[in-house]
Protein backbone atom coordinates (compact mmCIF):
# COMPACT_ATOMS: atom_id res chain seq x y z
CA UNK A 1 0.00 0.00 0.00
CA UNK A 2 2.91 2.35 0.53
CA UNK A 3 4.27 1.93 -2.97
CA UNK A 4 3.33 4.65 -5.46
CA UNK A 5 0.74 2.39 -7.09
CA UNK A 6 0.31 0.04 -4.11
CA UNK A 7 -3.41 0.57 -3.67
CA UNK A 8 -4.10 0.16 -7.39
CA UNK A 9 -2.00 -3.00 -7.50
CA UNK A 10 -3.86 -4.35 -4.50
CA UNK A 11 -7.24 -3.77 -6.14
CA UNK A 12 -6.11 -5.31 -9.43
CA UNK A 13 -4.78 -8.38 -7.61
CA UNK A 14 -7.94 -8.65 -5.51
CA UNK A 15 -10.17 -8.36 -8.55
CA UNK A 16 -8.07 -10.98 -10.32
CA UNK A 17 -8.35 -13.42 -7.43
CA UNK A 18 -12.11 -12.94 -7.09
CA UNK A 19 -12.56 -13.33 -10.87
CA UNK A 20 -10.49 -16.52 -10.81
CA UNK A 21 -12.59 -17.92 -7.96
CA UNK A 22 -15.87 -17.07 -9.67
CA UNK A 23 -14.85 -18.60 -13.01
CA UNK A 24 -13.31 -21.60 -11.30
CA UNK A 25 -16.55 -22.24 -9.42
CA UNK A 26 -18.57 -21.84 -12.61
CA UNK A 27 -16.35 -24.30 -14.44
CA UNK A 28 -15.79 -26.95 -11.76
CA UNK A 29 -18.21 -26.11 -9.02
CA UNK A 30 -21.47 -27.46 -7.78
CA UNK A 31 -24.22 -25.84 -5.75
CA UNK A 32 -22.72 -27.31 -2.57
CA UNK A 33 -19.23 -26.00 -3.33
CA UNK A 34 -20.68 -22.59 -4.20
CA UNK A 35 -22.48 -22.49 -0.85
CA UNK A 36 -19.36 -23.55 1.08
CA UNK A 37 -17.22 -20.86 -0.58
CA UNK A 38 -19.90 -18.20 -0.16
CA UNK A 39 -20.48 -18.98 3.52
CA UNK A 40 -16.75 -19.31 4.27
CA UNK A 41 -15.93 -15.96 2.69
CA UNK A 42 -18.91 -14.39 4.44
CA UNK A 43 -17.74 -15.78 7.77
CA UNK A 44 -14.22 -14.47 7.18
CA UNK A 45 -15.67 -11.05 6.36
CA UNK A 46 -17.66 -10.95 9.60
CA UNK A 47 -14.63 -12.11 11.62
CA UNK A 48 -12.19 -9.59 10.12
CA UNK A 49 -14.71 -6.76 10.19
CA UNK A 50 -15.28 -7.38 13.88
CA UNK A 51 -11.53 -7.46 14.48
CA UNK A 52 -11.00 -4.18 12.65
CA UNK A 53 -13.80 -2.43 14.53
CA UNK A 54 -12.40 -3.62 17.85
CA UNK A 55 -9.10 -2.01 16.93
CA UNK A 56 -10.80 1.34 17.36
CA UNK A 57 -10.58 0.80 21.11
CA UNK A 58 -7.07 1.92 22.13
CA UNK A 59 -6.55 -0.85 24.69
CA UNK A 60 -7.40 -3.55 22.12
CA UNK A 61 -5.25 -1.95 19.43
CA UNK A 62 -2.32 -1.71 21.83
CA UNK A 63 -2.63 -5.41 22.66
CA UNK A 64 -1.95 -6.35 19.01
CA UNK A 65 0.66 -3.66 18.42
CA UNK A 66 -1.53 -1.41 16.27
CA UNK A 67 -1.37 2.33 16.63
CA UNK A 68 -4.51 4.43 16.86
CA UNK A 69 -4.78 8.04 15.87
C-alpha atoms as a PDB file:
ATOM      1  CA  UNK A   1       0.000   0.000   0.000  1.00  0.00           C
ATOM      2  CA  UNK A   2       2.909   2.354   0.534  1.00  0.00           C
ATOM      3  CA  UNK A   3       4.271   1.927  -2.966  1.00  0.00           C
ATOM      4  CA  UNK A   4       3.332   4.653  -5.461  1.00  0.00           C
ATOM      5  CA  UNK A   5       0.739   2.387  -7.088  1.00  0.00           C
ATOM      6  CA  UNK A   6       0.311   0.041  -4.115  1.00  0.00           C
ATOM      7  CA  UNK A   7      -3.406   0.574  -3.674  1.00  0.00           C
ATOM      8  CA  UNK A   8      -4.096   0.164  -7.390  1.00  0.00           C
ATOM      9  CA  UNK A   9      -1.995  -3.004  -7.496  1.00  0.00           C
ATOM     10  CA  UNK A  10      -3.856  -4.355  -4.496  1.00  0.00           C
ATOM     11  CA  UNK A  11      -7.242  -3.766  -6.139  1.00  0.00           C
ATOM     12  CA  UNK A  12      -6.113  -5.306  -9.429  1.00  0.00           C
ATOM     13  CA  UNK A  13      -4.778  -8.377  -7.610  1.00  0.00           C
ATOM     14  CA  UNK A  14      -7.937  -8.649  -5.505  1.00  0.00           C
ATOM     15  CA  UNK A  15     -10.174  -8.362  -8.545  1.00  0.00           C
ATOM     16  CA  UNK A  16      -8.072 -10.982 -10.324  1.00  0.00           C
ATOM     17  CA  UNK A  17      -8.353 -13.420  -7.428  1.00  0.00           C
ATOM     18  CA  UNK A  18     -12.110 -12.939  -7.090  1.00  0.00           C
ATOM     19  CA  UNK A  19     -12.559 -13.332 -10.868  1.00  0.00           C
ATOM     20  CA  UNK A  20     -10.491 -16.522 -10.814  1.00  0.00           C
ATOM     21  CA  UNK A  21     -12.588 -17.924  -7.955  1.00  0.00           C
ATOM     22  CA  UNK A  22     -15.870 -17.074  -9.672  1.00  0.00           C
ATOM     23  CA  UNK A  23     -14.854 -18.599 -13.013  1.00  0.00           C
ATOM     24  CA  UNK A  24     -13.315 -21.604 -11.298  1.00  0.00           C
ATOM     25  CA  UNK A  25     -16.547 -22.239  -9.416  1.00  0.00           C
ATOM     26  CA  UNK A  26     -18.573 -21.837 -12.607  1.00  0.00           C
ATOM     27  CA  UNK A  27     -16.347 -24.299 -14.443  1.00  0.00           C
ATOM     28  CA  UNK A  28     -15.785 -26.949 -11.765  1.00  0.00           C
ATOM     29  CA  UNK A  29     -18.211 -26.108  -9.016  1.00  0.00           C
ATOM     30  CA  UNK A  30     -21.472 -27.457  -7.777  1.00  0.00           C
ATOM     31  CA  UNK A  31     -24.218 -25.845  -5.749  1.00  0.00           C
ATOM     32  CA  UNK A  32     -22.725 -27.310  -2.571  1.00  0.00           C
ATOM     33  CA  UNK A  33     -19.231 -26.003  -3.329  1.00  0.00           C
ATOM     34  CA  UNK A  34     -20.681 -22.587  -4.198  1.00  0.00           C
ATOM     35  CA  UNK A  35     -22.481 -22.490  -0.851  1.00  0.00           C
ATOM     36  CA  UNK A  36     -19.358 -23.545   1.079  1.00  0.00           C
ATOM     37  CA  UNK A  37     -17.216 -20.859  -0.582  1.00  0.00           C
ATOM     38  CA  UNK A  38     -19.902 -18.196  -0.157  1.00  0.00           C
ATOM     39  CA  UNK A  39     -20.477 -18.983   3.525  1.00  0.00           C
ATOM     40  CA  UNK A  40     -16.754 -19.309   4.274  1.00  0.00           C
ATOM     41  CA  UNK A  41     -15.927 -15.960   2.689  1.00  0.00           C
ATOM     42  CA  UNK A  42     -18.915 -14.388   4.438  1.00  0.00           C
ATOM     43  CA  UNK A  43     -17.744 -15.776   7.768  1.00  0.00           C
ATOM     44  CA  UNK A  44     -14.225 -14.468   7.179  1.00  0.00           C
ATOM     45  CA  UNK A  45     -15.670 -11.051   6.358  1.00  0.00           C
ATOM     46  CA  UNK A  46     -17.656 -10.952   9.604  1.00  0.00           C
ATOM     47  CA  UNK A  47     -14.626 -12.109  11.622  1.00  0.00           C
ATOM     48  CA  UNK A  48     -12.192  -9.592  10.119  1.00  0.00           C
ATOM     49  CA  UNK A  49     -14.714  -6.765  10.190  1.00  0.00           C
ATOM     50  CA  UNK A  50     -15.278  -7.380  13.884  1.00  0.00           C
ATOM     51  CA  UNK A  51     -11.535  -7.464  14.484  1.00  0.00           C
ATOM     52  CA  UNK A  52     -11.000  -4.177  12.646  1.00  0.00           C
ATOM     53  CA  UNK A  53     -13.800  -2.434  14.532  1.00  0.00           C
ATOM     54  CA  UNK A  54     -12.401  -3.624  17.855  1.00  0.00           C
ATOM     55  CA  UNK A  55      -9.097  -2.006  16.927  1.00  0.00           C
ATOM     56  CA  UNK A  56     -10.801   1.343  17.355  1.00  0.00           C
ATOM     57  CA  UNK A  57     -10.585   0.804  21.107  1.00  0.00           C
ATOM     58  CA  UNK A  58      -7.067   1.918  22.130  1.00  0.00           C
ATOM     59  CA  UNK A  59      -6.552  -0.849  24.687  1.00  0.00           C
ATOM     60  CA  UNK A  60      -7.402  -3.553  22.121  1.00  0.00           C
ATOM     61  CA  UNK A  61      -5.255  -1.946  19.428  1.00  0.00           C
ATOM     62  CA  UNK A  62      -2.320  -1.710  21.830  1.00  0.00           C
ATOM     63  CA  UNK A  63      -2.631  -5.409  22.655  1.00  0.00           C
ATOM     64  CA  UNK A  64      -1.950  -6.347  19.007  1.00  0.00           C
ATOM     65  CA  UNK A  65       0.665  -3.659  18.417  1.00  0.00           C
ATOM     66  CA  UNK A  66      -1.529  -1.406  16.268  1.00  0.00           C
ATOM     67  CA  UNK A  67      -1.373   2.335  16.635  1.00  0.00           C
ATOM     68  CA  UNK A  68      -4.514   4.429  16.855  1.00  0.00           C
ATOM     69  CA  UNK A  69      -4.783   8.045  15.870  1.00  0.00           C
END
